[in-house]
Amino acid sequence: MSPTTHNRVGVLHGANLDQLGRRDPHHYGSFTLSELEVAVRRFARELDLEVIFFQTNHEGEFIEYLHRLPEMADAAVINAGAWTHYSWAIRDALEFAQLPAVEVHISDVESREEWRRHSVFDGLVLAKISGKKLDGYREALELIAKELGVGE
């Protein structure tokens, strides 16, 4: 990888995602956050991407991390959990970051409660992927790699 290659991706997880493995397996599967990160790191390596991970249950920390993200990453994969549906402050922080981003949901938010179908990131992200569990992260990284021109 040349030093000028832009291949760094921040993978950000929001509220309650540290509870994977304990949450309803019908919606979220049985894997833990740690197991998810191992799989995502493997997917990233296959695509010549470098990933860094962040998870918090505190909205302000999530926002502050997004403020710093352009110093550490060239793109983002965002699973903000419930904040996806109402946190305009997180949307603003993602917009300020000016990084290509893909929104990911482990569960199929389109077939769940009505409030889960709305995303404050609509129109700001490259794509919204939901209901594909771990494979959704692979798909998000493939979109990011294409957007960054990695592997071309």
C-alpha atoms as a PDB file:
ATOM      1  CA  MET A   1       0.000   0.000   0.000  1.00  0.00           C
ATOM      2  CA  SER A   2       1.508   3.339  -0.970  1.00  0.00           C
ATOM      3  CA  PRO A   3       1.648   6.103   1.647  1.00  0.00           C
ATOM      4  CA  THR A   4      -0.726   8.227  -0.458  1.00  0.00           C
ATOM      5  CA  THR A   5      -3.435   5.551  -0.533  1.00  0.00           C
ATOM      6  CA  HIS A   6      -6.580   6.602   1.267  1.00  0.00           C
ATOM      7  CA  ASN A   7      -7.830   3.389   2.799  1.00  0.00           C
ATOM      8  CA  ARG A   8      -8.561   4.125   6.464  1.00  0.00           C
ATOM      9  CA  VAL A   9     -12.106   3.499   7.647  1.00  0.00           C
ATOM     10  CA  GLY A  10     -13.619   4.362  10.999  1.00  0.00           C
ATOM     11  CA  VAL A  11     -16.293   1.878  12.103  1.00  0.00           C
ATOM     12  CA  LEU A  12     -18.471   3.603  14.682  1.00  0.00           C
ATOM     13  CA  HIS A  13     -21.016   1.897  16.912  1.00  0.00           C
ATOM     14  CA  GLY A  14     -23.492   3.739  19.069  1.00  0.00           C
ATOM     15  CA  ALA A  15     -25.835   3.099  21.937  1.00  0.00           C
ATOM     16  CA  ASN A  16     -26.368  -0.477  23.122  1.00  0.00           C
ATOM     17  CA  LEU A  17     -24.205  -2.092  20.467  1.00  0.00           C
ATOM     18  CA  ASP A  18     -21.824  -3.171  23.210  1.00  0.00           C
ATOM     19  CA  GLN A  19     -24.674  -5.480  24.239  1.00  0.00           C
ATOM     20  CA  LEU A  20     -24.589  -7.593  21.085  1.00  0.00           C
ATOM     21  CA  GLY A  21     -24.766 -11.247  22.049  1.00  0.00           C
ATOM     22  CA  ARG A  22     -27.279 -10.374  24.767  1.00  0.00           C
ATOM     23  CA  ARG A  23     -29.830  -8.619  22.532  1.00  0.00           C
ATOM     24  CA  ASP A  24     -32.696 -10.366  20.736  1.00  0.00           C
ATOM     25  CA  PRO A  25     -30.920 -12.890  18.466  1.00  0.00           C
ATOM     26  CA  HIS A  26     -33.837 -12.810  16.006  1.00  0.00           C
ATOM     27  CA  HIS A  27     -32.996  -9.192  15.164  1.00  0.00           C
ATOM     28  CA  TYR A  28     -29.295  -9.004  16.012  1.00  0.00           C
ATOM     29  CA  GLY A  29     -27.855 -12.497  15.723  1.00  0.00           C
ATOM     30  CA  SER A  30     -25.852 -14.152  18.483  1.00  0.00           C
ATOM     31  CA  PHE A  31     -22.442 -12.563  17.835  1.00  0.00           C
ATOM     32  CA  THR A  32     -20.813 -10.116  20.244  1.00  0.00           C
ATOM     33  CA  LEU A  33     -19.355  -6.716  19.359  1.00  0.00           C
ATOM     34  CA  SER A  34     -15.894  -8.230  19.688  1.00  0.00           C
ATOM     35  CA  GLU A  35     -16.781 -11.019  17.252  1.00  0.00           C
ATOM     36  CA  LEU A  36     -18.271  -8.468  14.862  1.00  0.00           C
ATOM     37  CA  GLU A  37     -15.025  -6.464  14.957  1.00  0.00           C
ATOM     38  CA  VAL A  38     -12.948  -9.571  14.178  1.00  0.00           C
ATOM     39  CA  ALA A  39     -15.152 -10.258  11.132  1.00  0.00           C
ATOM     40  CA  VAL A  40     -15.062  -6.621   9.980  1.00  0.00           C
ATOM     41  CA  ARG A  41     -11.273  -6.521  10.313  1.00  0.00           C
ATOM     42  CA  ARG A  42     -11.074  -9.658   8.136  1.00  0.00           C
ATOM     43  CA  PHE A  43     -13.440  -8.153   5.530  1.00  0.00           C
ATOM     44  CA  ALA A  44     -11.373  -4.938   5.511  1.00  0.00           C
ATOM     45  CA  ARG A  45      -8.088  -6.796   5.047  1.00  0.00           C
ATOM     46  CA  GLU A  46      -9.547  -8.625   2.028  1.00  0.00           C
ATOM     47  CA  LEU A  47     -10.387  -5.211   0.507  1.00  0.00           C
ATOM     48  CA  ASP A  48      -7.026  -3.557   1.376  1.00  0.00           C
ATOM     49  CA  LEU A  49      -8.721  -1.312   3.921  1.00  0.00           C
ATOM     50  CA  GLU A  50      -7.502  -0.447   7.412  1.00  0.00           C
ATOM     51  CA  VAL A  51     -10.190  -0.162  10.078  1.00  0.00           C
ATOM     52  CA  ILE A  52     -10.381   1.476  13.459  1.00  0.00           C
ATOM     53  CA  PHE A  53     -13.281   0.842  15.812  1.00  0.00           C
ATOM     54  CA  PHE A  54     -15.168   3.048  18.227  1.00  0.00           C
ATOM     55  CA  GLN A  55     -18.191   2.328  20.427  1.00  0.00           C
ATOM     56  CA  THR A  56     -19.878   4.451  23.049  1.00  0.00           C
ATOM     57  CA  ASN A  57     -23.208   4.708  24.815  1.00  0.00           C
ATOM     58  CA  HIS A  58     -22.728   8.481  25.213  1.00  0.00           C
ATOM     59  CA  GLU A  59     -24.012  10.712  22.439  1.00  0.00           C
ATOM     60  CA  GLY A  60     -21.577  13.538  23.180  1.00  0.00           C
ATOM     61  CA  GLU A  61     -18.598  11.157  22.939  1.00  0.00           C
ATOM     62  CA  PHE A  62     -19.906   9.904  19.600  1.00  0.00           C
ATOM     63  CA  ILE A  63     -20.138  13.494  18.322  1.00  0.00           C
ATOM     64  CA  GLU A  64     -16.660  14.388  19.578  1.00  0.00           C
ATOM     65  CA  TYR A  65     -15.227  11.263  17.925  1.00  0.00           C
ATOM     66  CA  LEU A  66     -16.831  12.275  14.626  1.00  0.00           C
ATOM     67  CA  HIS A  67     -15.203  15.707  14.998  1.00  0.00           C
ATOM     68  CA  ARG A  68     -11.765  14.011  15.226  1.00  0.00           C
ATOM     69  CA  LEU A  69     -12.422  11.271  12.683  1.00  0.00           C
ATOM     70  CA  PRO A  70     -11.044  13.110   9.593  1.00  0.00           C
ATOM     71  CA  GLU A  71      -7.613  13.099  11.278  1.00  0.00           C
ATOM     72  CA  MET A  72      -7.744   9.292  11.588  1.00  0.00           C
ATOM     73  CA  ALA A  73      -9.848   8.000   8.696  1.00  0.00           C
ATOM     74  CA  ASP A  74     -10.775   8.582   5.074  1.00  0.00           C
ATOM     75  CA  ALA A  75     -14.314   7.197   5.345  1.00  0.00           C
ATOM     76  CA  ALA A  76     -16.780   5.872   7.905  1.00  0.00           C
ATOM     77  CA  VAL A  77     -19.175   3.017   8.525  1.00  0.00           C
ATOM     78  CA  ILE A  78     -21.789   4.207  11.000  1.00  0.00           C
ATOM     79  CA  ASN A  79     -24.138   2.126  13.116  1.00  0.00           C
ATOM     80  CA  ALA A  80     -25.420   4.756  15.521  1.00  0.00           C
ATOM     81  CA  GLY A  81     -28.092   2.482  16.985  1.00  0.00           C
ATOM     82  CA  ALA A  82     -31.197   4.346  18.144  1.00  0.00           C
ATOM     83  CA  TRP A  83     -29.467   7.710  17.616  1.00  0.00           C
ATOM     84  CA  THR A  84     -29.931   7.078  13.883  1.00  0.00           C
ATOM     85  CA  HIS A  85     -33.582   7.921  14.256  1.00  0.00           C
ATOM     86  CA  TYR A  86     -33.405  11.229  16.118  1.00  0.00           C
ATOM     87  CA  SER A  87     -29.920  12.658  16.733  1.00  0.00           C
ATOM     88  CA  TRP A  88     -29.611  15.671  14.473  1.00  0.00           C
ATOM     89  CA  ALA A  89     -26.456  16.566  16.424  1.00  0.00           C
ATOM     90  CA  ILE A  90     -24.789  13.347  15.237  1.00  0.00           C
ATOM     91  CA  ARG A  91     -25.960  14.040  11.690  1.00  0.00           C
ATOM     92  CA  ASP A  92     -24.418  17.507  11.899  1.00  0.00           C
ATOM     93  CA  ALA A  93     -21.132  16.062  13.198  1.00  0.00           C
ATOM     94  CA  LEU A  94     -21.042  13.525  10.358  1.00  0.00           C
ATOM     95  CA  GLU A  95     -21.709  16.316   7.875  1.00  0.00           C
ATOM     96  CA  PHE A  96     -18.892  18.413   9.412  1.00  0.00           C
ATOM     97  CA  ALA A  97     -16.530  15.444   9.082  1.00  0.00           C
ATOM     98  CA  GLN A  98     -17.028  15.530   5.292  1.00  0.00           C
ATOM     99  CA  LEU A  99     -16.119  11.866   4.899  1.00  0.00           C
ATOM    100  CA  PRO A 100     -17.856   9.350   2.671  1.00  0.00           C
ATOM    101  CA  ALA A 101     -19.994   7.209   4.963  1.00  0.00           C
ATOM    102  CA  VAL A 102     -22.283   4.193   4.843  1.00  0.00           C
ATOM    103  CA  GLU A 103     -25.041   3.665   7.405  1.00  0.00           C
ATOM    104  CA  VAL A 104     -25.383   0.080   8.649  1.00  0.00           C
ATOM    105  CA  HIS A 105     -28.034  -1.642  10.754  1.00  0.00           C
ATOM    106  CA  ILE A 106     -27.670  -5.244  11.854  1.00  0.00           C
ATOM    107  CA  SER A 107     -31.435  -5.737  12.063  1.00  0.00           C
ATOM    108  CA  ASP A 108     -33.914  -5.070   9.262  1.00  0.00           C
ATOM    109  CA  VAL A 109     -35.100  -1.657  10.429  1.00  0.00           C
ATOM    110  CA  GLU A 110     -37.478  -1.388   7.453  1.00  0.00           C
ATOM    111  CA  SER A 111     -39.596  -4.266   8.772  1.00  0.00           C
ATOM    112  CA  ARG A 112     -39.601  -3.207  12.420  1.00  0.00           C
ATOM    113  CA  GLU A 113     -41.368  -0.391  14.286  1.00  0.00           C
ATOM    114  CA  GLU A 114     -42.257   2.686  12.244  1.00  0.00           C
ATOM    115  CA  TRP A 115     -39.887   4.953  14.183  1.00  0.00           C
ATOM    116  CA  ARG A 116     -36.900   2.762  13.221  1.00  0.00           C
ATOM    117  CA  ARG A 117     -37.541   3.355   9.515  1.00  0.00           C
ATOM    118  CA  HIS A 118     -36.565   7.030   9.703  1.00  0.00           C
ATOM    119  CA  SER A 119     -32.888   7.974   9.543  1.00  0.00           C
ATOM    120  CA  VAL A 120     -31.438  11.414  10.171  1.00  0.00           C
ATOM    121  CA  PHE A 121     -28.572  10.368   7.863  1.00  0.00           C
ATOM    122  CA  ASP A 122     -30.826  10.127   4.768  1.00  0.00           C
ATOM    123  CA  GLY A 123     -29.289  12.124   1.932  1.00  0.00           C
ATOM    124  CA  LEU A 124     -25.918  12.350   3.677  1.00  0.00           C
ATOM    125  CA  VAL A 125     -24.599   8.784   3.398  1.00  0.00           C
ATOM    126  CA  LEU A 126     -23.602   6.797   0.319  1.00  0.00           C
ATOM    127  CA  ALA A 127     -26.025   4.027   1.248  1.00  0.00           C
ATOM    128  CA  LYS A 128     -28.142   2.558   4.035  1.00  0.00           C
ATOM    129  CA  ILE A 129     -27.734  -1.177   4.601  1.00  0.00           C
ATOM    130  CA  SER A 130     -30.025  -3.030   6.991  1.00  0.00           C
ATOM    131  CA  GLY A 131     -30.990  -6.537   7.946  1.00  0.00           C
ATOM    132  CA  LYS A 132     -27.857  -8.266   6.672  1.00  0.00           C
ATOM    133  CA  LYS A 133     -26.193  -8.743  10.064  1.00  0.00           C
ATOM    134  CA  LEU A 134     -22.396  -9.229   9.572  1.00  0.00           C
ATOM    135  CA  ASP A 135     -22.719  -9.239   5.782  1.00  0.00           C
ATOM    136  CA  GLY A 136     -24.016  -5.676   5.941  1.00  0.00           C
ATOM    137  CA  TYR A 137     -20.600  -4.564   7.142  1.00  0.00           C
ATOM    138  CA  ARG A 138     -18.896  -6.386   4.272  1.00  0.00           C
ATOM    139  CA  GLU A 139     -21.211  -4.644   1.815  1.00  0.00           C
ATOM    140  CA  ALA A 140     -20.544  -1.273   3.468  1.00  0.00           C
ATOM    141  CA  LEU A 141     -16.781  -1.782   3.215  1.00  0.00           C
ATOM    142  CA  GLU A 142     -17.096  -2.790  -0.445  1.00  0.00           C
ATOM    143  CA  LEU A 143     -18.947   0.484  -1.143  1.00  0.00           C
ATOM    144  CA  ILE A 144     -16.312   2.452   0.784  1.00  0.00           C
ATOM    145  CA  ALA A 145     -13.447   0.741  -1.089  1.00  0.00           C
ATOM    146  CA  LYS A 146     -15.083   1.629  -4.398  1.00  0.00           C
ATOM    147  CA  GLU A 147     -15.686   5.232  -3.276  1.00  0.00           C
ATOM    148  CA  LEU A 148     -12.062   5.614  -2.147  1.00  0.00           C
ATOM    149  CA  GLY A 149     -10.709   3.921  -5.264  1.00  0.00           C
ATOM    150  CA  VAL A 150      -8.964   1.209  -3.254  1.00  0.00           C
ATOM    151  CA  GLY A 151      -7.999  -1.850  -5.261  1.00  0.00           C
ATOM    152  CA  GLU A 152      -8.364  -0.176  -8.636  1.00  0.00           C
END
